[in-house]
Amino acid sequence: MFRSASLTLIAMNPANEGVTEAVQNVIKVLESQIDEQLERLEQPDEDELSNLRAMRLKELKQRQSNQRKWLEAGHGEYTELATEKDFFSTCTASDKVVAHFYRQSTGRCEIVDMHMKKLAPLHLETKFVKLNVEKAPFLTERLNIRVIPTILVSVGGTVRDRIVGFSTLGNVDDFSTEMMEWRLAQADGVDYAGDKTTPPAMQPPKKSFLIQTKKTIRGNTQESDEDE
């Protein structure tokens, strides 16, 4: 060990011939202590391993408990709200909510539906819902929703972000599901392990499988299917 060797050189250096035997013994003790600490760091003892296992087990139990709670609250599925009152109750019951405000006559809403259906089972921490604006005129007006599709991200009962149309999703119809995931993560709408500062297309390739949509639903990415 480097530090141990340094202490040994102090005792062996001719300039330190006056070092007493007691001091040499102290140096040996320090060497032994340092070596023991380094070895402990390299090879954790049973107590440390036991603590690590206990911490990991606690984390897994908490995660399992959270997942059970989320599933009981209807997380894991992309569901439609029957009334605008359900939006408020949903945001109160779930800490994270992604709400798609749609109109059946707007084709781009079908693209949003496709991505929401894929993301819902991947992010149990978030409640994914949709609401027909024609059935929620009061809420649509109150939330100042002018463009369809609009996606609201609610965290802790407060609307933190909104995705209006596809302008922040590459402004194309064939953006990937990962792109939608990344965009929702900007306001902590979903738990995201990647780089929030860089769009997925600009990030280095990952080894893990990434969900992507290969085809466009509308076909022409230049046409806007948004309603105002």
Foldseek 3Di string as FASTA:
>chain_A
DVVLVVLVCCPVPPVVPVDDPVVVVVSVVVSVVVVVVVVCVVPPDPVVVVVVVVVVVVVVVVVVVLLVLLVVLVFLAEEEDPAPVVVQVNVQSAQKEKEWEAAPQQPLVVLVVVLLRVVRNVFSSYHHYYYYCVRYVPVCVVVVPAKPGKMFIHGRSRTDDMDHACPQQVLFQFGFSQSVVLVCPLRPNGDDPDDNVDGPVPDPDDPDDGGGGDAGPVRDGVDGRMGD
